[in-house]
Amino acid sequence: MTFLWIPLAIAAAFLQNVRSALQKYLKDELGVAGATFVRFGYGLPFALLYLLALVHVFELSMPEPNARFILFAIIGSLAQIAGTGLLITLFGARNFAVGTTYSKTEAIQAAVFATIFLGETISVAATIGIFISLGGVITISAARGPSDLRSIARSWMAKPALIGLASGGSFGVAAVCFRGASLSLGGEGFLSQAAYTLTAALTIQTVVMVAIMILRNPTELKKAAYAWKTAIWVGASGAAASVGWFTAMTIQNAALVRALGQVELIFTIAASVLIFREKIHRLELLGIFLVVAGLLILLLL
């Protein structure tokens, strides 16, 4: 079980890549709220089926919630809604590359929040690995976007950068809270703990997003229903990714899990080269090297 979180996090990063691509496609059609909702509303049935399969087919025990679980689940759910909404907002921003680059500070922010909320710390080597891999992420972002390294560094107070930082911070809070929620359930059944936490979070998020859309823009809810043919794939891939994330974060420190998730960028580059036959930039190669080097330090030291 010690190293199971590694393949889980890598698989989750790949599936998240798929979900994000579909979600970005729906943004223009549904708006920010609608595109945010489909991740949760269409993912809930898949998460519920997974939990029921664990309990009734594989005969794992159903966890029992407590006050600490409920508090962590609510805070984490709301933080993830905020992070998703902010990230989708960046899709329409003029300087998208800068914003998304700063959103990748999630792992560093998660390490800080894990210390504050859970009293967990990571080793010096792991911290160095996270910063090196973040440098790789920034380098790749500069290579693939209209902004270079200098402009990214200079624009840290610009609106897209602040939105990106807020998005990364929200996701960092969510990751730590979901780990706290799963651990508060106790027991040795980490699979059912993670599945129960995921189902509870998606239930909270679905209810909140439906209420927001009914009050602010009911037409977005109708559009989300009509877009079910694409949205159901967002829900399925999102739920599968979340199963990986939640299970990995139940086993391991959330900051380390989210740091390993930065391998998602390598999947993106691999797809562009192998599927779309795009040429790889030298700066991208440097970024990939830094990401891999940082992750190796994170995992091996």
Protein backbone atom coordinates (compact mmCIF):
# COMPACT_ATOMS: atom_id res chain seq x y z
CA MET A 1 0.00 0.00 0.00
CA THR A 2 2.95 2.33 0.66
CA PHE A 3 3.70 2.96 -3.02
CA LEU A 4 0.17 2.45 -4.40
CA TRP A 5 -0.40 6.21 -4.33
CA ILE A 6 2.18 6.69 -7.12
CA PRO A 7 0.37 4.85 -9.97
CA LEU A 8 -2.94 6.18 -8.65
CA ALA A 9 -1.74 9.79 -8.88
CA ILE A 10 -0.26 9.27 -12.36
CA ALA A 11 -3.49 7.68 -13.63
CA ALA A 12 -5.50 10.48 -12.04
CA ALA A 13 -3.33 13.10 -13.76
CA PHE A 14 -3.93 11.46 -17.14
CA LEU A 15 -7.69 11.26 -16.63
CA GLN A 16 -7.75 14.85 -15.38
CA ASN A 17 -6.12 15.87 -18.64
CA VAL A 18 -8.98 14.22 -20.54
CA ARG A 19 -11.61 15.86 -18.31
CA SER A 20 -10.06 19.32 -18.61
CA ALA A 21 -10.02 19.13 -22.41
CA LEU A 22 -13.72 18.22 -22.49
CA GLN A 23 -14.55 20.86 -19.89
CA LYS A 24 -12.75 23.55 -21.86
CA TYR A 25 -14.79 22.55 -24.91
CA LEU A 26 -18.03 23.00 -22.95
CA LYS A 27 -17.05 26.38 -21.45
CA ASP A 28 -18.15 28.42 -24.49
CA GLU A 29 -21.40 26.50 -24.72
CA LEU A 30 -22.40 26.43 -21.04
CA GLY A 31 -20.60 29.34 -19.39
CA VAL A 32 -18.38 29.16 -16.30
CA ALA A 33 -21.07 27.91 -13.89
CA GLY A 34 -22.40 25.29 -16.30
CA ALA A 35 -18.95 23.95 -17.19
CA THR A 36 -18.09 23.84 -13.47
CA PHE A 37 -21.33 22.00 -12.65
CA VAL A 38 -20.89 19.16 -15.13
CA ARG A 39 -17.69 18.06 -13.38
CA PHE A 40 -19.66 17.48 -10.18
CA GLY A 41 -23.23 16.76 -11.23
CA TYR A 42 -22.36 14.25 -13.93
CA GLY A 43 -19.58 12.73 -11.82
CA LEU A 44 -21.79 11.99 -8.79
CA PRO A 45 -23.62 8.93 -10.25
CA PHE A 46 -20.30 7.30 -11.16
CA ALA A 47 -18.86 7.94 -7.70
CA LEU A 48 -21.98 6.56 -6.04
CA LEU A 49 -21.88 3.40 -8.16
CA TYR A 50 -18.20 2.93 -7.25
CA LEU A 51 -18.93 3.27 -3.53
CA LEU A 52 -21.88 0.86 -3.70
CA ALA A 53 -19.74 -1.66 -5.62
CA LEU A 54 -17.05 -1.54 -2.92
CA VAL A 55 -19.62 -2.09 -0.18
CA HIS A 56 -21.98 -4.62 -1.76
CA VAL A 57 -19.77 -6.46 -4.26
CA PHE A 58 -16.39 -6.40 -2.51
CA GLU A 59 -18.01 -6.34 0.96
CA LEU A 60 -16.01 -3.43 2.36
CA SER A 61 -17.53 -1.68 5.36
CA MET A 62 -19.45 1.58 4.85
CA PRO A 63 -17.69 4.38 6.78
CA GLU A 64 -19.62 6.37 9.38
CA PRO A 65 -19.29 10.17 9.20
CA ASN A 66 -18.48 12.38 12.17
CA ALA A 67 -18.34 16.13 12.86
CA ARG A 68 -14.70 16.44 11.77
CA PHE A 69 -15.48 14.64 8.51
CA ILE A 70 -18.45 16.90 7.76
CA LEU A 71 -16.43 20.07 8.42
CA PHE A 72 -13.52 18.98 6.22
CA ALA A 73 -15.87 17.73 3.47
CA ILE A 74 -17.81 21.00 3.32
CA ILE A 75 -14.71 23.23 3.29
CA GLY A 76 -12.96 21.02 0.73
CA SER A 77 -16.03 20.88 -1.52
CA LEU A 78 -16.52 24.65 -1.55
CA ALA A 79 -12.79 25.23 -2.12
CA GLN A 80 -12.81 22.85 -5.10
CA ILE A 81 -15.83 24.62 -6.59
CA ALA A 82 -13.99 27.94 -6.26
CA GLY A 83 -10.79 26.52 -7.75
CA THR A 84 -12.62 24.98 -10.71
CA GLY A 85 -14.58 28.15 -11.41
CA LEU A 86 -11.44 30.29 -11.28
CA LEU A 87 -9.55 27.90 -13.57
CA ILE A 88 -12.37 27.86 -16.12
CA THR A 89 -12.47 31.67 -15.96
CA LEU A 90 -8.83 31.64 -17.05
CA PHE A 91 -9.78 29.80 -20.26
CA GLY A 92 -11.20 33.07 -21.54
CA ALA A 93 -8.47 35.31 -20.15
CA ARG A 94 -6.22 37.22 -22.55
CA ASN A 95 -3.06 35.90 -20.88
CA PHE A 96 -4.20 32.33 -20.26
CA ALA A 97 -0.64 30.92 -20.03
CA VAL A 98 0.34 33.19 -17.15
CA GLY A 99 -2.76 32.36 -15.12
CA THR A 100 -2.53 28.61 -15.56
CA THR A 101 1.18 28.69 -14.74
CA TYR A 102 0.51 30.33 -11.39
CA SER A 103 -2.32 27.87 -10.70
CA LYS A 104 0.35 25.15 -10.71
CA THR A 105 1.62 26.47 -7.37
CA GLU A 106 -1.08 24.22 -5.89
CA ALA A 107 1.40 21.64 -4.57
CA ILE A 108 3.44 24.24 -2.70
CA GLN A 109 0.31 25.83 -1.26
CA ALA A 110 -1.02 22.38 -0.31
CA ALA A 111 2.18 21.72 1.65
CA VAL A 112 1.59 24.92 3.64
CA PHE A 113 -2.09 24.13 4.26
CA ALA A 114 -1.25 20.54 5.28
CA THR A 115 1.02 21.91 7.99
CA ILE A 116 -1.64 24.36 9.19
CA PHE A 117 -4.69 22.09 9.09
CA LEU A 118 -3.27 18.59 9.66
CA GLY A 119 0.11 19.21 11.27
CA GLU A 120 1.81 17.28 8.46
CA THR A 121 5.21 18.23 7.08
CA ILE A 122 7.29 17.01 4.16
CA SER A 123 11.03 16.40 3.97
CA VAL A 124 13.56 18.95 2.73
CA ALA A 125 14.28 16.70 -0.28
CA ALA A 126 10.57 16.55 -1.15
CA THR A 127 10.32 20.33 -0.88
CA ILE A 128 13.31 20.76 -3.21
CA GLY A 129 11.74 18.27 -5.63
CA ILE A 130 8.46 20.21 -5.65
CA PHE A 131 10.23 23.51 -6.42
CA ILE A 132 12.33 21.94 -9.20
CA SER A 133 9.28 20.37 -10.83
CA LEU A 134 7.43 23.70 -10.50
CA GLY A 135 10.33 25.33 -12.35
CA GLY A 136 9.81 22.75 -15.08
CA VAL A 137 6.09 23.52 -15.23
CA ILE A 138 6.81 27.24 -15.59
CA THR A 139 9.37 26.55 -18.32
CA ILE A 140 6.92 24.37 -20.27
CA SER A 141 4.18 26.99 -19.90
CA ALA A 142 6.52 29.65 -21.27
CA ALA A 143 7.42 27.45 -24.23
CA ARG A 144 3.81 26.58 -25.11
CA GLY A 145 2.24 29.98 -24.53
CA PRO A 146 2.62 33.53 -25.83
CA SER A 147 4.53 34.56 -22.69
CA ASP A 148 8.22 33.99 -22.01
CA LEU A 149 9.85 33.30 -18.65
CA ARG A 150 10.60 36.98 -18.04
CA SER A 151 7.03 38.13 -18.67
CA ILE A 152 5.65 35.36 -16.46
CA ALA A 153 7.94 36.44 -13.64
CA ARG A 154 7.05 40.10 -14.09
CA SER A 155 3.27 39.53 -14.23
CA TRP A 156 2.83 37.96 -10.81
CA MET A 157 0.57 40.85 -9.74
CA ALA A 158 -1.45 40.90 -12.96
CA LYS A 159 -5.08 39.78 -12.85
CA PRO A 160 -4.59 36.39 -14.61
CA ALA A 161 -1.70 35.57 -12.25
CA LEU A 162 -3.77 36.46 -9.18
CA ILE A 163 -6.67 34.34 -10.45
CA GLY A 164 -4.21 31.51 -11.06
CA LEU A 165 -2.76 31.81 -7.55
CA ALA A 166 -6.26 31.86 -6.06
CA SER A 167 -7.20 28.79 -8.11
CA GLY A 168 -4.07 26.92 -6.98
CA GLY A 169 -4.70 27.94 -3.38
CA SER A 170 -8.31 26.74 -3.56
CA PHE A 171 -7.24 23.38 -4.97
CA GLY A 172 -4.53 23.16 -2.29
CA VAL A 173 -7.10 23.71 0.48
CA ALA A 174 -9.44 21.19 -1.15
CA ALA A 175 -6.75 18.49 -1.40
CA VAL A 176 -5.75 18.87 2.25
CA CYS A 177 -9.36 18.96 3.47
CA PHE A 178 -10.30 15.85 1.50
CA ARG A 179 -7.33 14.01 2.99
CA GLY A 180 -8.39 15.20 6.44
CA ALA A 181 -11.96 14.06 5.79
CA SER A 182 -10.88 10.58 4.66
CA LEU A 183 -8.50 10.11 7.59
CA SER A 184 -11.17 11.22 10.07
CA LEU A 185 -13.30 8.23 9.09
CA GLY A 186 -10.77 5.88 10.69
CA GLY A 187 -10.52 2.17 10.01
CA GLU A 188 -8.21 0.38 7.59
CA GLY A 189 -10.39 0.44 4.50
CA PHE A 190 -8.71 3.28 2.61
CA LEU A 191 -10.64 2.42 -0.57
CA SER A 192 -14.04 2.84 1.07
CA GLN A 193 -12.83 5.89 3.02
CA ALA A 194 -11.76 7.62 -0.19
CA ALA A 195 -14.91 6.56 -2.09
CA TYR A 196 -17.18 7.76 0.73
CA THR A 197 -15.37 11.11 0.91
CA LEU A 198 -15.58 11.53 -2.87
CA THR A 199 -19.30 10.74 -2.95
CA ALA A 200 -20.01 13.12 -0.07
CA ALA A 201 -17.99 15.90 -1.72
CA LEU A 202 -19.69 15.49 -5.10
CA THR A 203 -23.11 15.48 -3.41
CA ILE A 204 -22.34 18.76 -1.61
CA GLN A 205 -20.89 20.29 -4.78
CA THR A 206 -23.84 19.24 -6.94
CA VAL A 207 -26.38 20.70 -4.50
CA VAL A 208 -24.42 23.97 -4.19
CA MET A 209 -23.95 24.37 -7.96
CA VAL A 210 -27.62 23.61 -8.71
CA ALA A 211 -28.69 26.21 -6.12
CA ILE A 212 -26.28 28.80 -7.57
CA MET A 213 -27.49 28.26 -11.12
CA ILE A 214 -31.18 28.32 -10.15
CA LEU A 215 -30.70 31.63 -8.36
CA ARG A 216 -28.35 33.30 -10.86
CA ASN A 217 -28.88 31.76 -14.28
CA PRO A 218 -31.41 28.91 -14.63
CA THR A 219 -30.76 28.69 -18.37
CA GLU A 220 -27.22 27.38 -17.68
CA LEU A 221 -28.73 24.43 -15.81
CA LYS A 222 -30.93 23.64 -18.81
CA LYS A 223 -27.94 23.93 -21.14
CA ALA A 224 -25.99 21.54 -18.90
CA ALA A 225 -28.85 19.04 -19.18
CA TYR A 226 -29.03 19.37 -22.97
CA ALA A 227 -25.24 18.91 -23.28
CA TRP A 228 -25.39 15.48 -21.61
CA LYS A 229 -23.74 13.64 -24.51
CA THR A 230 -20.44 15.43 -23.84
CA ALA A 231 -21.02 16.23 -20.18
CA ILE A 232 -21.42 12.58 -19.23
CA TRP A 233 -17.86 11.95 -20.41
CA VAL A 234 -16.68 14.89 -18.33
CA GLY A 235 -18.41 13.28 -15.34
CA ALA A 236 -17.03 9.81 -16.04
CA SER A 237 -13.43 10.92 -16.61
CA GLY A 238 -13.65 13.39 -13.72
CA ALA A 239 -15.02 10.77 -11.33
CA ALA A 240 -12.35 8.26 -12.36
CA ALA A 241 -9.64 10.90 -11.86
CA SER A 242 -11.10 11.82 -8.47
CA VAL A 243 -11.11 8.18 -7.37
CA GLY A 244 -7.38 8.16 -8.08
CA TRP A 245 -6.74 11.50 -6.35
CA PHE A 246 -8.87 10.77 -3.27
CA THR A 247 -7.44 7.29 -2.79
CA ALA A 248 -3.85 8.51 -3.24
CA MET A 249 -4.44 11.40 -0.83
CA THR A 250 -5.89 9.03 1.76
CA ILE A 251 -2.65 7.05 1.61
CA GLN A 252 -0.10 9.87 1.22
CA ASN A 253 0.43 13.57 2.07
CA ALA A 254 -1.75 15.67 -0.25
CA ALA A 255 1.13 17.97 -1.24
CA LEU A 256 3.20 15.04 -2.53
CA VAL A 257 0.24 13.61 -4.44
CA ARG A 258 -0.57 16.92 -6.11
CA ALA A 259 3.11 17.49 -6.90
CA LEU A 260 3.31 14.14 -8.70
CA GLY A 261 0.17 15.18 -10.56
CA GLN A 262 2.26 17.71 -12.46
CA VAL A 263 3.18 14.82 -14.75
CA GLU A 264 -0.10 15.80 -16.47
CA LEU A 265 1.84 18.40 -18.49
CA ILE A 266 4.10 15.70 -19.90
CA PHE A 267 0.99 13.79 -21.05
CA THR A 268 -0.21 16.95 -22.80
CA ILE A 269 3.10 17.38 -24.65
CA ALA A 270 3.23 13.68 -25.55
CA ALA A 271 -0.26 13.90 -27.07
CA SER A 272 0.64 16.99 -29.11
CA VAL A 273 3.77 15.28 -30.49
CA LEU A 274 2.46 11.73 -31.03
CA ILE A 275 -1.13 12.47 -32.06
CA PHE A 276 -1.02 15.94 -33.61
CA ARG A 277 2.57 15.65 -34.95
CA GLU A 278 3.58 18.99 -33.48
CA LYS A 279 7.26 19.80 -33.06
CA ILE A 280 8.63 19.94 -29.54
CA HIS A 281 10.37 23.15 -28.45
CA ARG A 282 13.83 23.07 -26.84
CA LEU A 283 12.43 24.95 -23.87
CA GLU A 284 9.80 22.21 -23.50
CA LEU A 285 12.54 19.58 -23.35
CA LEU A 286 14.22 21.54 -20.58
CA GLY A 287 10.90 21.81 -18.76
CA ILE A 288 10.25 18.09 -19.07
CA PHE A 289 13.73 17.37 -17.72
CA LEU A 290 13.10 19.63 -14.70
CA VAL A 291 9.66 18.12 -14.02
CA VAL A 292 11.03 14.57 -14.19
CA ALA A 293 14.10 15.46 -12.11
CA GLY A 294 11.94 17.11 -9.47
CA LEU A 295 9.56 14.16 -9.30
CA LEU A 296 12.44 11.67 -9.05
CA ILE A 297 13.86 13.64 -6.11
CA LEU A 298 10.37 13.71 -4.61
CA LEU A 299 9.93 9.95 -4.92
CA LEU A 300 13.41 8.55 -4.36
CA LEU A 301 14.95 10.69 -1.61
